[in-house]
Every structure is written in structure tokens, then in C-alpha cells.
PDB file of N, CA and C in Angstrom:
ATOM      1  N   UNK A   1      31.240-158.286  16.017  1.00  0.00           N
ATOM      2  CA  UNK A   1      29.961-157.791  16.483  1.00  0.00           C
ATOM      3  C   UNK A   1      30.189-156.637  17.449  1.00  0.00           C
ATOM      4  N   UNK A   2      29.385-155.623  17.280  1.00  0.00           N
ATOM      5  CA  UNK A   2      29.504-154.469  18.168  1.00  0.00           C
ATOM      6  C   UNK A   2      28.844-154.766  19.510  1.00  0.00           C
ATOM      7  N   UNK A   3      29.331-154.084  20.525  1.00  0.00           N
ATOM      8  CA  UNK A   3      28.809-154.311  21.864  1.00  0.00           C
ATOM      9  C   UNK A   3      27.562-153.478  22.097  1.00  0.00           C
ATOM     10  N   UNK A   4      26.826-153.854  23.115  1.00  0.00           N
ATOM     11  CA  UNK A   4      25.633-153.105  23.474  1.00  0.00           C
ATOM     12  C   UNK A   4      26.022-151.787  24.111  1.00  0.00           C
ATOM     13  N   UNK A   5      25.178-150.789  23.900  1.00  0.00           N
ATOM     14  CA  UNK A   5      25.398-149.465  24.465  1.00  0.00           C
ATOM     15  C   UNK A   5      24.320-149.210  25.503  1.00  0.00           C
ATOM     16  N   UNK A   6      24.602-148.290  26.384  1.00  0.00           N
ATOM     17  CA  UNK A   6      23.656-147.929  27.434  1.00  0.00           C
ATOM     18  C   UNK A   6      23.076-146.558  27.131  1.00  0.00           C
ATOM     19  N   UNK A   7      21.754-146.452  27.246  1.00  0.00           N
ATOM     20  CA  UNK A   7      21.036-145.209  26.984  1.00  0.00           C
ATOM     21  C   UNK A   7      20.241-144.848  28.224  1.00  0.00           C
ATOM     22  N   UNK A   8      20.447-143.622  28.726  1.00  0.00           N
ATOM     23  CA  UNK A   8      19.790-143.144  29.935  1.00  0.00           C
ATOM     24  C   UNK A   8      18.612-142.272  29.533  1.00  0.00           C
ATOM     25  N   UNK A   9      17.432-142.589  30.059  1.00  0.00           N
ATOM     26  CA  UNK A   9      16.239-141.800  29.789  1.00  0.00           C
ATOM     27  C   UNK A   9      16.370-140.442  30.466  1.00  0.00           C
ATOM     28  N   UNK A  10      15.993-139.380  29.756  1.00  0.00           N
ATOM     29  CA  UNK A  10      16.045-138.042  30.318  1.00  0.00           C
ATOM     30  C   UNK A  10      14.652-137.454  30.385  1.00  0.00           C
ATOM     31  N   UNK A  11      14.448-136.570  31.365  1.00  0.00           N
ATOM     32  CA  UNK A  11      13.215-135.801  31.454  1.00  0.00           C
ATOM     33  C   UNK A  11      13.589-134.330  31.546  1.00  0.00           C
ATOM     34  N   UNK A  12      12.671-133.470  31.941  1.00  0.00           N
ATOM     35  CA  UNK A  12      12.918-132.033  31.996  1.00  0.00           C
ATOM     36  C   UNK A  12      14.019-131.680  32.996  1.00  0.00           C
ATOM     37  N   UNK A  13      14.202-132.499  34.031  1.00  0.00           N
ATOM     38  CA  UNK A  13      15.202-132.224  35.066  1.00  0.00           C
ATOM     39  C   UNK A  13      16.557-132.856  34.772  1.00  0.00           C
ATOM     40  N   UNK A  14      16.691-133.573  33.689  1.00  0.00           N
ATOM     41  CA  UNK A  14      17.949-134.252  33.364  1.00  0.00           C
ATOM     42  C   UNK A  14      17.789-135.755  33.383  1.00  0.00           C
ATOM     43  N   UNK A  15      18.865-136.443  33.768  1.00  0.00           N
ATOM     44  CA  UNK A  15      18.870-137.907  33.770  1.00  0.00           C
ATOM     45  C   UNK A  15      17.883-138.475  34.779  1.00  0.00           C
ATOM     46  N   UNK A  16      17.305-139.614  34.429  1.00  0.00           N
ATOM     47  CA  UNK A  16      16.455-140.362  35.345  1.00  0.00           C
ATOM     48  C   UNK A  16      17.189-141.643  35.721  1.00  0.00           C
ATOM     49  N   UNK A  17      16.552-142.487  36.500  1.00  0.00           N
ATOM     50  CA  UNK A  17      17.164-143.755  36.887  1.00  0.00           C
ATOM     51  C   UNK A  17      16.914-144.857  35.869  1.00  0.00           C
ATOM     52  N   UNK A  18      16.144-144.566  34.828  1.00  0.00           N
ATOM     53  CA  UNK A  18      15.798-145.566  33.823  1.00  0.00           C
ATOM     54  C   UNK A  18      16.913-145.676  32.789  1.00  0.00           C
ATOM     55  N   UNK A  19      17.462-146.882  32.631  1.00  0.00           N
ATOM     56  CA  UNK A  19      18.541-147.132  31.677  1.00  0.00           C
ATOM     57  C   UNK A  19      18.129-148.294  30.785  1.00  0.00           C
ATOM     58  N   UNK A  20      18.303-148.115  29.478  1.00  0.00           N
ATOM     59  CA  UNK A  20      18.024-149.164  28.503  1.00  0.00           C
ATOM     60  C   UNK A  20      19.332-149.520  27.820  1.00  0.00           C
ATOM     61  N   UNK A  21      19.509-150.786  27.460  1.00  0.00           N
ATOM     62  CA  UNK A  21      20.693-151.161  26.698  1.00  0.00           C
ATOM     63  C   UNK A  21      20.261-151.818  25.402  1.00  0.00           C
ATOM     64  N   UNK A  22      21.006-151.485  24.356  1.00  0.00           N
ATOM     65  CA  UNK A  22      20.733-152.003  23.025  1.00  0.00           C
ATOM     66  C   UNK A  22      21.929-151.670  22.145  1.00  0.00           C
ATOM     67  N   UNK A  23      22.011-152.293  21.003  1.00  0.00           N
ATOM     68  CA  UNK A  23      23.091-151.971  20.072  1.00  0.00           C
ATOM     69  C   UNK A  23      22.839-150.644  19.376  1.00  0.00           C
ATOM     70  N   UNK A  24      21.577-150.335  19.121  1.00  0.00           N
ATOM     71  CA  UNK A  24      21.200-149.116  18.414  1.00  0.00           C
ATOM     72  C   UNK A  24      20.253-148.288  19.273  1.00  0.00           C
ATOM     73  N   UNK A  25      20.221-146.965  19.087  1.00  0.00           N
ATOM     74  CA  UNK A  25      19.305-146.126  19.862  1.00  0.00           C
ATOM     75  C   UNK A  25      17.837-146.486  19.617  1.00  0.00           C
ATOM     76  N   UNK A  26      17.506-146.920  18.413  1.00  0.00           N
ATOM     77  CA  UNK A  26      16.123-147.264  18.103  1.00  0.00           C
ATOM     78  C   UNK A  26      15.640-148.442  18.953  1.00  0.00           C
ATOM     79  N   UNK A  27      16.511-149.410  19.181  1.00  0.00           N
ATOM     80  CA  UNK A  27      16.141-150.554  20.008  1.00  0.00           C
ATOM     81  C   UNK A  27      15.818-150.134  21.430  1.00  0.00           C
ATOM     82  N   UNK A  28      16.616-149.220  21.970  1.00  0.00           N
ATOM     83  CA  UNK A  28      16.354-148.712  23.312  1.00  0.00           C
ATOM     84  C   UNK A  28      15.062-147.893  23.330  1.00  0.00           C
ATOM     85  N   UNK A  29      14.815-147.138  22.275  1.00  0.00           N
ATOM     86  CA  UNK A  29      13.589-146.340  22.194  1.00  0.00           C
ATOM     87  C   UNK A  29      12.354-147.233  22.099  1.00  0.00           C
ATOM     88  N   UNK A  30      12.444-148.347  21.389  1.00  0.00           N
ATOM     89  CA  UNK A  30      11.326-149.282  21.309  1.00  0.00           C
ATOM     90  C   UNK A  30      11.022-149.889  22.676  1.00  0.00           C
ATOM     91  N   UNK A  31      12.061-150.167  23.454  1.00  0.00           N
ATOM     92  CA  UNK A  31      11.851-150.674  24.808  1.00  0.00           C
ATOM     93  C   UNK A  31      11.131-149.637  25.657  1.00  0.00           C
ATOM     94  N   UNK A  32      11.520-148.371  25.516  1.00  0.00           N
ATOM     95  CA  UNK A  32      10.874-147.297  26.278  1.00  0.00           C
ATOM     96  C   UNK A  32       9.419-147.129  25.843  1.00  0.00           C
ATOM     97  N   UNK A  33       9.164-147.189  24.539  1.00  0.00           N
ATOM     98  CA  UNK A  33       7.801-147.036  24.031  1.00  0.00           C
ATOM     99  C   UNK A  33       6.913-148.187  24.481  1.00  0.00           C
ATOM    100  N   UNK A  34       7.470-149.382  24.571  1.00  0.00           N
ATOM    101  CA  UNK A  34       6.668-150.528  25.010  1.00  0.00           C
ATOM    102  C   UNK A  34       6.250-150.384  26.466  1.00  0.00           C
ATOM    103  N   UNK A  35       6.980-149.585  27.228  1.00  0.00           N
ATOM    104  CA  UNK A  35       6.625-149.323  28.628  1.00  0.00           C
ATOM    105  C   UNK A  35       5.726-148.115  28.786  1.00  0.00           C
ATOM    106  N   UNK A  36       5.335-147.482  27.674  1.00  0.00           N
ATOM    107  CA  UNK A  36       4.358-146.406  27.727  1.00  0.00           C
ATOM    108  C   UNK A  36       4.913-145.004  27.620  1.00  0.00           C
ATOM    109  N   UNK A  37       6.227-144.827  27.447  1.00  0.00           N
ATOM    110  CA  UNK A  37       6.799-143.493  27.281  1.00  0.00           C
ATOM    111  C   UNK A  37       6.464-142.973  25.889  1.00  0.00           C
ATOM    112  N   UNK A  38       6.156-141.671  25.777  1.00  0.00           N
ATOM    113  CA  UNK A  38       5.827-141.090  24.476  1.00  0.00           C
ATOM    114  C   UNK A  38       6.878-140.090  24.002  1.00  0.00           C
ATOM    115  N   UNK A  39       7.339-139.202  24.869  1.00  0.00           N
ATOM    116  CA  UNK A  39       8.419-138.273  24.532  1.00  0.00           C
ATOM    117  C   UNK A  39       9.712-138.872  25.065  1.00  0.00           C
ATOM    118  N   UNK A  40      10.502-139.447  24.158  1.00  0.00           N
ATOM    119  CA  UNK A  40      11.659-140.236  24.562  1.00  0.00           C
ATOM    120  C   UNK A  40      12.933-139.473  24.227  1.00  0.00           C
ATOM    121  N   UNK A  41      13.727-139.186  25.247  1.00  0.00           N
ATOM    122  CA  UNK A  41      15.040-138.575  25.071  1.00  0.00           C
ATOM    123  C   UNK A  41      16.051-139.490  25.739  1.00  0.00           C
ATOM    124  N   UNK A  42      16.922-140.076  24.933  1.00  0.00           N
ATOM    125  CA  UNK A  42      17.882-141.053  25.429  1.00  0.00           C
ATOM    126  C   UNK A  42      19.301-140.510  25.278  1.00  0.00           C
ATOM    127  N   UNK A  43      19.992-140.326  26.412  1.00  0.00           N
ATOM    128  CA  UNK A  43      21.383-139.888  26.384  1.00  0.00           C
ATOM    129  C   UNK A  43      22.263-141.122  26.281  1.00  0.00           C
ATOM    130  N   UNK A  44      23.116-141.131  25.276  1.00  0.00           N
ATOM    131  CA  UNK A  44      24.025-142.258  25.075  1.00  0.00           C
ATOM    132  C   UNK A  44      25.217-142.083  26.011  1.00  0.00           C
ATOM    133  N   UNK A  45      25.441-143.060  26.871  1.00  0.00           N
ATOM    134  CA  UNK A  45      26.547-142.975  27.827  1.00  0.00           C
ATOM    135  C   UNK A  45      27.885-142.941  27.102  1.00  0.00           C
ATOM    136  N   UNK A  46      28.782-142.075  27.575  1.00  0.00           N
ATOM    137  CA  UNK A  46      30.114-141.992  26.994  1.00  0.00           C
ATOM    138  C   UNK A  46      30.218-141.042  25.821  1.00  0.00           C
ATOM    139  N   UNK A  47      29.122-140.432  25.414  1.00  0.00           N
ATOM    140  CA  UNK A  47      29.133-139.480  24.299  1.00  0.00           C
ATOM    141  C   UNK A  47      28.384-138.221  24.724  1.00  0.00           C
ATOM    142  N   UNK A  48      28.306-137.259  23.846  1.00  0.00           N
ATOM    143  CA  UNK A  48      27.557-136.032  24.118  1.00  0.00           C
ATOM    144  C   UNK A  48      26.270-135.971  23.291  1.00  0.00           C
ATOM    145  N   UNK A  49      25.710-137.123  22.950  1.00  0.00           N
ATOM    146  CA  UNK A  49      24.515-137.190  22.106  1.00  0.00           C
ATOM    147  C   UNK A  49      23.273-137.557  22.906  1.00  0.00           C
ATOM    148  N   UNK A  50      22.173-136.879  22.574  1.00  0.00           N
ATOM    149  CA  UNK A  50      20.859-137.229  23.118  1.00  0.00           C
ATOM    150  C   UNK A  50      19.967-137.538  21.922  1.00  0.00           C
ATOM    151  N   UNK A  51      19.503-138.770  21.823  1.00  0.00           N
ATOM    152  CA  UNK A  51      18.641-139.203  20.727  1.00  0.00           C
ATOM    153  C   UNK A  51      17.192-138.922  21.126  1.00  0.00           C
ATOM    154  N   UNK A  52      16.468-138.226  20.252  1.00  0.00           N
ATOM    155  CA  UNK A  52      15.095-137.803  20.546  1.00  0.00           C
ATOM    156  C   UNK A  52      14.138-138.588  19.654  1.00  0.00           C
ATOM    157  N   UNK A  53      13.136-139.214  20.285  1.00  0.00           N
ATOM    158  CA  UNK A  53      12.144-140.026  19.579  1.00  0.00           C
ATOM    159  C   UNK A  53      10.744-139.651  20.033  1.00  0.00           C
ATOM    160  N   UNK A  54       9.763-139.892  19.178  1.00  0.00           N
ATOM    161  CA  UNK A  54       8.352-139.898  19.546  1.00  0.00           C
ATOM    162  C   UNK A  54       7.933-141.354  19.547  1.00  0.00           C
ATOM    163  N   UNK A  55       7.308-141.790  20.626  1.00  0.00           N
ATOM    164  CA  UNK A  55       6.931-143.188  20.736  1.00  0.00           C
ATOM    165  C   UNK A  55       5.450-143.351  20.986  1.00  0.00           C
ATOM    166  N   UNK A  56       4.912-144.478  20.581  1.00  0.00           N
ATOM    167  CA  UNK A  56       3.523-144.822  20.855  1.00  0.00           C
ATOM    168  C   UNK A  56       3.400-146.334  20.791  1.00  0.00           C
ATOM    169  N   UNK A  57       2.319-146.820  21.349  1.00  0.00           N
ATOM    170  CA  UNK A  57       2.063-148.255  21.260  1.00  0.00           C
ATOM    171  C   UNK A  57       0.599-148.470  20.928  1.00  0.00           C
ATOM    172  N   UNK A  58       0.350-149.536  20.204  1.00  0.00           N
ATOM    173  CA  UNK A  58      -0.996-149.858  19.740  1.00  0.00           C
ATOM    174  C   UNK A  58      -1.330-151.278  20.156  1.00  0.00           C
ATOM    175  N   UNK A  59      -2.590-151.490  20.470  1.00  0.00           N
ATOM    176  CA  UNK A  59      -3.038-152.839  20.778  1.00  0.00           C
ATOM    177  C   UNK A  59      -3.495-153.476  19.467  1.00  0.00           C
ATOM    178  N   UNK A  60      -2.845-154.576  19.103  1.00  0.00           N
ATOM    179  CA  UNK A  60      -3.134-155.251  17.839  1.00  0.00           C
ATOM    180  C   UNK A  60      -3.498-156.705  18.119  1.00  0.00           C
ATOM    181  N   UNK A  61      -4.015-157.357  17.103  1.00  0.00           N
ATOM    182  CA  UNK A  61      -4.367-158.774  17.233  1.00  0.00           C
ATOM    183  C   UNK A  61      -3.099-159.605  17.389  1.00  0.00           C
ATOM    184  N   UNK A  62      -3.160-160.613  18.232  1.00  0.00           N
ATOM    185  CA  UNK A  62      -2.022-161.494  18.465  1.00  0.00           C
ATOM    186  C   UNK A  62      -1.759-162.324  17.206  1.00  0.00           C
ATOM    187  N   UNK A  63      -0.512-162.731  16.981  1.00  0.00           N
ATOM    188  CA  UNK A  63      -0.221-163.566  15.821  1.00  0.00           C
ATOM    189  C   UNK A  63      -0.936-164.913  15.914  1.00  0.00           C
ATOM    190  N   UNK A  64      -1.282-165.451  14.768  1.00  0.00           N
ATOM    191  CA  UNK A  64      -2.019-166.721  14.715  1.00  0.00           C
ATOM    192  C   UNK A  64      -1.221-167.872  15.315  1.00  0.00           C
ATOM    193  N   UNK A  65       0.113-167.838  15.161  1.00  0.00           N
ATOM    194  CA  UNK A  65       0.929-168.937  15.656  1.00  0.00           C
ATOM    195  C   UNK A  65       1.467-168.673  17.065  1.00  0.00           C
ATOM    196  N   UNK A  66       0.910-167.698  17.769  1.00  0.00           N
ATOM    197  CA  UNK A  66       1.353-167.373  19.121  1.00  0.00           C
ATOM    198  C   UNK A  66       0.886-168.402  20.135  1.00  0.00           C
ATOM    199  N   UNK A  67       1.527-168.428  21.299  1.00  0.00           N
ATOM    200  CA  UNK A  67       1.127-169.385  22.335  1.00  0.00           C
ATOM    201  C   UNK A  67      -0.249-169.048  22.901  1.00  0.00           C
ATOM    202  N   UNK A  68      -0.891-170.034  23.502  1.00  0.00           N
ATOM    203  CA  UNK A  68      -2.260-169.854  23.987  1.00  0.00           C
ATOM    204  C   UNK A  68      -2.336-168.851  25.140  1.00  0.00           C
ATOM    205  N   UNK A  69      -1.263-168.724  25.961  1.00  0.00           N
ATOM    206  CA  UNK A  69      -1.297-167.813  27.090  1.00  0.00           C
ATOM    207  C   UNK A  69      -1.173-166.356  26.672  1.00  0.00           C
ATOM    208  N   UNK A  70      -0.852-166.097  25.399  1.00  0.00           N
ATOM    209  CA  UNK A  70      -0.633-164.736  24.930  1.00  0.00           C
ATOM    210  C   UNK A  70      -1.910-163.913  24.885  1.00  0.00           C
ATOM    211  N   UNK A  71      -3.037-164.528  24.628  1.00  0.00           N
ATOM    212  CA  UNK A  71      -4.296-163.803  24.551  1.00  0.00           C
ATOM    213  C   UNK A  71      -4.624-163.380  23.130  1.00  0.00           C
ATOM    214  N   UNK A  72      -5.718-162.633  22.983  1.00  0.00           N
ATOM    215  CA  UNK A  72      -6.169-162.215  21.657  1.00  0.00           C
ATOM    216  C   UNK A  72      -5.522-160.923  21.183  1.00  0.00           C
ATOM    217  N   UNK A  73      -5.130-160.061  22.114  1.00  0.00           N
ATOM    218  CA  UNK A  73      -4.544-158.761  21.767  1.00  0.00           C
ATOM    219  C   UNK A  73      -3.177-158.627  22.428  1.00  0.00           C
ATOM    220  N   UNK A  74      -2.245-157.941  21.733  1.00  0.00           N
ATOM    221  CA  UNK A  74      -0.914-157.655  22.267  1.00  0.00           C
ATOM    222  C   UNK A  74      -0.575-156.195  21.977  1.00  0.00           C
ATOM    223  N   UNK A  75       0.388-155.634  22.725  1.00  0.00           N
ATOM    224  CA  UNK A  75       0.830-154.260  22.497  1.00  0.00           C
ATOM    225  C   UNK A  75       2.007-154.265  21.539  1.00  0.00           C
ATOM    226  N   UNK A  76       1.960-153.370  20.539  1.00  0.00           N
ATOM    227  CA  UNK A  76       3.046-153.224  19.580  1.00  0.00           C
ATOM    228  C   UNK A  76       3.599-151.814  19.700  1.00  0.00           C
ATOM    229  N   UNK A  77       4.892-151.680  19.956  1.00  0.00           N
ATOM    230  CA  UNK A  77       5.539-150.376  20.125  1.00  0.00           C
ATOM    231  C   UNK A  77       6.060-149.867  18.785  1.00  0.00           C
ATOM    232  N   UNK A  78       5.999-148.548  18.600  1.00  0.00           N
ATOM    233  CA  UNK A  78       6.526-147.883  17.410  1.00  0.00           C
ATOM    234  C   UNK A  78       7.235-146.612  17.845  1.00  0.00           C
ATOM    235  N   UNK A  79       8.281-146.237  17.109  1.00  0.00           N
ATOM    236  CA  UNK A  79       8.986-144.988  17.385  1.00  0.00           C
ATOM    237  C   UNK A  79       9.325-144.288  16.080  1.00  0.00           C
ATOM    238  N   UNK A  80       9.464-142.972  16.172  1.00  0.00           N
ATOM    239  CA  UNK A  80       9.901-142.164  15.032  1.00  0.00           C
ATOM    240  C   UNK A  80      10.985-141.225  15.542  1.00  0.00           C
ATOM    241  N   UNK A  81      12.147-141.253  14.914  1.00  0.00           N
ATOM    242  CA  UNK A  81      13.268-140.435  15.368  1.00  0.00           C
ATOM    243  C   UNK A  81      13.037-138.984  14.956  1.00  0.00           C
ATOM    244  N   UNK A  82      13.223-138.079  15.923  1.00  0.00           N
ATOM    245  CA  UNK A  82      13.053-136.654  15.697  1.00  0.00           C
ATOM    246  C   UNK A  82      14.392-135.976  15.436  1.00  0.00           C
ATOM    247  N   UNK A  83      15.470-136.549  15.951  1.00  0.00           N
ATOM    248  CA  UNK A  83      16.788-135.968  15.735  1.00  0.00           C
ATOM    249  C   UNK A  83      17.744-136.305  16.854  1.00  0.00           C
ATOM    250  N   UNK A  84      18.924-135.650  16.791  1.00  0.00           N
ATOM    251  CA  UNK A  84      19.956-135.832  17.809  1.00  0.00           C
ATOM    252  C   UNK A  84      20.334-134.455  18.329  1.00  0.00           C
ATOM    253  N   UNK A  85      20.348-134.313  19.654  1.00  0.00           N
ATOM    254  CA  UNK A  85      20.791-133.073  20.290  1.00  0.00           C
ATOM    255  C   UNK A  85      22.159-133.318  20.895  1.00  0.00           C
ATOM    256  N   UNK A  86      22.997-132.293  20.866  1.00  0.00           N
ATOM    257  CA  UNK A  86      24.320-132.367  21.496  1.00  0.00           C
ATOM    258  C   UNK A  86      24.236-131.753  22.881  1.00  0.00           C
ATOM    259  N   UNK A  87      24.875-132.372  23.852  1.00  0.00           N
ATOM    260  CA  UNK A  87      24.870-131.878  25.221  1.00  0.00           C
ATOM    261  C   UNK A  87      25.956-130.846  25.387  1.00  0.00           C
TER     262      UNK A  87
END
């Protein structure tokens, strides 16, 4: 099994303090989208790659078999990969 990787969120000024970990860049991007980020640029630590995503989240109906404390609506995150930039 491969180990988890660390992805640092970037903005116009460079690296931020926000770090996501996941096995794949998409998993880290989904975590960022679930927190409300839309223009997602994730620098993979230890490499010269920046993964670029567009993210959004939608409020959808909760699953029928969900717990009672979950409520009627939940947020669902989605991402679309735009490409990879080299640093």
C-alpha cells in the first residue's frame, strides 16, 4: 500500500498554512472543496508539481439510511482537474 502524501494549498502569494493529506491529489482536493474552496491549487510536498482543480459543493438530500442527527440535507463536494503546473 502506498503512503499518504501531503498537499499544501496555494494562493496568489504562494503557500498557505492549509495542508491536506491523502493518497491521491483528488482526495485532497475533495477535502478542500468540502471546506468551501473553489479555485484549488495543491502543491505536492517533495515534488515540483502543483495540481490545479475547480471545486464546488452542492446541498443534496441526506441518504435514507443515514443517522437521525444528520438532518435532511448534506453538502456533497465535487472537483474537476484542470491540469498540473510545474514549479
